[in-house]
Amino acid sequence: MRSRILFVIISILVTGCISVEICDDDNNSVMVAKFMTMKEDLPADSTVASLSLYGIREGRPDSLLYNNQPSINTFDVPLDPHHDFTRFVLHLGEQTDTLELMHHQEFYMISYDCGFGNLFTLETVGYRTGMIKSAEIIDEIVDAETEEDDVHIWLFL
C-alpha cells in the first residue's frame, strides 16, 4: 500500500515538472499579391469587383482559395512546397488568367516548439492570357513572418 502511495506522489511530482509550451507562431508561408494599375505613368492601387482563385497542383484536384470575393485589392496564397513553381487560375468577373510563380525553397527553424517553416525566394512571375498586363516582384522573400501590410508581387491589370 505504501509503495502505491509513494508511486502516485512521485508520478505527480514528475508530471508537475514537465511543462508543455504552446506554439503561438504561425509557420505557414503565404505570398501576398496586390492589384495595380498605371495612372499618369505611376503605379496606383486597383480594386477588382470580384475575385475567384484556384490553386493548381499536379496530381491533385484544383483547390478553391477565393470564391467571388467582392471588392478586393490584395490576396494571399500558399506556395507549393513540393515543386519549384506554383500555379493559380484567377477569375476576375468574366476574365480569366493563369498566374505562374517560379521559386525555390529552403527550410528554417522558427522555434523549438513550432518547428520549421518554409522560406521561398520568388524568381519569376508569369501569366498567360493577357488579362494581367505585367507583374513585378516587390519582395522576393516569402516566409512565415509575413506582416499584415507586406506585399510580394504587384499584378498590373
Protein backbone atom coordinates (compact mmCIF):
# COMPACT_ATOMS: atom_id res chain seq x y z
CA MET A 1 0.00 0.00 0.00
CA ARG A 2 2.81 2.39 0.90
CA SER A 3 4.56 1.67 -2.40
CA ARG A 4 1.42 2.61 -4.33
CA ILE A 5 1.06 5.92 -2.45
CA LEU A 6 4.76 6.63 -2.96
CA PHE A 7 4.41 5.82 -6.68
CA VAL A 8 1.41 8.21 -7.03
CA ILE A 9 3.27 11.02 -5.23
CA ILE A 10 6.38 10.58 -7.38
CA SER A 11 4.22 10.48 -10.55
CA ILE A 12 2.52 13.74 -9.57
CA LEU A 13 5.84 15.42 -8.86
CA VAL A 14 7.37 14.25 -12.16
CA THR A 15 4.39 15.30 -14.30
CA GLY A 16 4.22 18.63 -12.47
CA CYS A 17 7.79 19.43 -13.58
CA ILE A 18 7.06 18.86 -17.25
CA SER A 19 5.82 21.98 -18.99
CA VAL A 20 4.19 21.98 -22.37
CA GLU A 21 4.71 25.14 -24.36
CA ILE A 22 2.17 26.07 -26.98
CA CYS A 23 3.36 27.36 -30.32
CA ASP A 24 2.00 30.86 -30.82
CA ASP A 25 3.88 31.38 -34.07
CA ASP A 26 2.33 30.67 -37.44
CA ASN A 27 4.60 28.52 -39.59
CA ASN A 28 2.61 28.89 -42.82
CA SER A 29 4.28 30.91 -45.55
CA VAL A 30 1.88 32.92 -47.72
CA MET A 31 2.61 35.10 -50.73
CA VAL A 32 0.70 38.38 -50.94
CA ALA A 33 -0.25 39.84 -54.33
CA LYS A 34 -1.69 43.30 -54.92
CA PHE A 35 -3.66 44.51 -57.93
CA MET A 36 -2.23 47.65 -59.51
CA THR A 37 -2.80 49.90 -62.49
CA MET A 38 -0.80 52.66 -64.15
CA LYS A 39 -2.10 56.23 -63.76
CA GLU A 40 -0.10 59.07 -65.27
CA ASP A 41 2.91 56.75 -65.64
CA LEU A 42 2.87 55.90 -61.92
CA PRO A 43 1.71 52.67 -60.25
CA ALA A 44 -1.59 53.06 -58.39
CA ASP A 45 -3.66 50.68 -56.29
CA SER A 46 -6.53 48.95 -58.04
CA THR A 47 -9.56 47.07 -56.73
CA VAL A 48 -11.36 44.30 -58.58
CA ALA A 49 -15.10 43.82 -58.26
CA SER A 50 -14.95 40.04 -57.81
CA LEU A 51 -12.14 37.51 -57.47
CA SER A 52 -12.28 33.74 -57.65
CA LEU A 53 -8.94 31.98 -57.35
CA TYR A 54 -7.99 28.33 -57.72
CA GLY A 55 -4.69 26.69 -56.78
CA ILE A 56 -3.38 24.16 -59.29
CA ARG A 57 -1.21 21.26 -58.10
CA GLU A 58 -0.06 18.45 -60.32
CA GLY A 59 -1.69 15.16 -59.43
CA ARG A 60 -4.25 16.83 -57.14
CA PRO A 61 -7.65 18.39 -57.72
CA ASP A 62 -7.76 22.18 -58.05
CA SER A 63 -8.48 23.93 -54.78
CA LEU A 64 -10.77 26.94 -54.48
CA LEU A 65 -8.99 29.59 -52.41
CA TYR A 66 -11.26 32.60 -53.05
CA ASN A 67 -14.87 32.35 -54.21
CA ASN A 68 -16.35 35.55 -55.71
CA GLN A 69 -14.58 37.71 -53.13
CA PRO A 70 -16.04 41.21 -53.68
CA SER A 71 -14.05 44.47 -53.80
CA ILE A 72 -10.59 43.07 -53.23
CA ASN A 73 -7.20 44.62 -53.98
CA THR A 74 -4.87 42.07 -52.33
CA PHE A 75 -4.92 38.33 -51.86
CA ASP A 76 -2.65 35.89 -50.07
CA VAL A 77 -1.93 32.36 -51.19
CA PRO A 78 0.29 29.48 -50.07
CA LEU A 79 3.14 28.42 -52.33
CA ASP A 80 3.70 24.80 -53.33
CA PRO A 81 6.41 23.26 -51.12
CA HIS A 82 6.72 20.19 -53.37
CA HIS A 83 7.72 21.98 -56.59
CA ASP A 84 9.80 24.93 -57.76
CA PHE A 85 6.67 26.52 -59.20
CA THR A 86 3.13 27.33 -58.11
CA ARG A 87 0.17 27.96 -60.43
CA PHE A 88 -3.13 29.71 -59.85
CA VAL A 89 -6.15 30.46 -62.02
CA LEU A 90 -7.67 33.90 -61.42
CA HIS A 91 -11.23 34.76 -62.43
CA LEU A 92 -11.94 38.49 -62.36
CA GLY A 93 -15.53 38.87 -63.46
CA GLU A 94 -15.63 37.39 -66.96
CA GLN A 95 -11.85 37.44 -67.47
CA THR A 96 -9.50 34.59 -66.61
CA ASP A 97 -5.73 34.29 -66.41
CA THR A 98 -3.21 31.77 -65.14
CA LEU A 99 -0.54 33.03 -62.79
CA GLU A 100 2.69 31.01 -62.53
CA LEU A 101 5.30 31.73 -59.88
CA MET A 102 8.79 30.24 -60.13
CA HIS A 103 10.55 29.97 -56.77
CA HIS A 104 12.99 27.94 -54.75
CA GLN A 105 12.55 26.86 -51.17
CA GLU A 106 14.59 26.41 -48.01
CA PHE A 107 13.59 25.34 -44.51
CA TYR A 108 14.38 27.41 -41.46
CA MET A 109 13.84 26.90 -37.75
CA ILE A 110 11.03 29.04 -36.32
CA SER A 111 11.42 27.79 -32.77
CA TYR A 112 11.88 24.55 -30.88
CA ASP A 113 8.14 24.32 -30.14
CA CYS A 114 6.89 25.42 -33.57
CA GLY A 115 9.38 23.54 -35.71
CA PHE A 116 10.40 24.53 -39.21
CA GLY A 117 8.90 26.93 -41.72
CA ASN A 118 9.32 27.31 -45.47
CA LEU A 119 11.32 30.20 -46.87
CA PHE A 120 10.52 30.77 -50.54
CA THR A 121 12.50 33.03 -52.84
CA LEU A 122 10.45 34.26 -55.80
CA GLU A 123 12.35 34.19 -59.09
CA THR A 124 9.81 34.99 -61.82
CA VAL A 125 6.12 35.73 -62.25
CA GLY A 126 4.39 34.57 -65.42
CA TYR A 127 0.87 34.97 -66.80
CA ARG A 128 -0.82 33.58 -69.86
CA THR A 129 -3.90 35.18 -71.40
CA GLY A 130 -3.22 38.90 -71.19
CA MET A 131 -5.71 39.91 -68.53
CA ILE A 132 -2.64 40.62 -66.40
CA LYS A 133 -0.65 43.21 -68.36
CA SER A 134 2.55 42.89 -66.32
CA ALA A 135 3.83 41.75 -62.95
CA GLU A 136 6.58 42.95 -60.67
CA ILE A 137 8.26 41.24 -57.73
CA ILE A 138 8.36 43.73 -54.85
CA ASP A 139 9.68 41.46 -52.09
CA GLU A 140 11.20 38.17 -53.24
CA ILE A 141 11.33 36.57 -49.78
CA VAL A 142 8.16 34.75 -48.67
CA ASP A 143 8.28 33.26 -45.19
CA ALA A 144 6.11 32.65 -42.13
CA GLU A 145 6.90 36.11 -40.78
CA THR A 146 4.73 37.94 -43.32
CA GLU A 147 3.33 41.10 -41.76
CA GLU A 148 -0.18 42.42 -42.39
CA ASP A 149 0.97 45.15 -44.82
CA ASP A 150 3.61 43.10 -46.70
CA VAL A 151 3.22 42.71 -50.46
CA HIS A 152 5.35 40.34 -52.52
CA ILE A 153 4.14 40.98 -56.07
CA TRP A 154 2.21 43.63 -57.97
CA LEU A 155 -0.17 42.46 -60.71
CA PHE A 156 -0.92 45.20 -63.24
CA LEU A 157 -4.35 44.95 -64.87
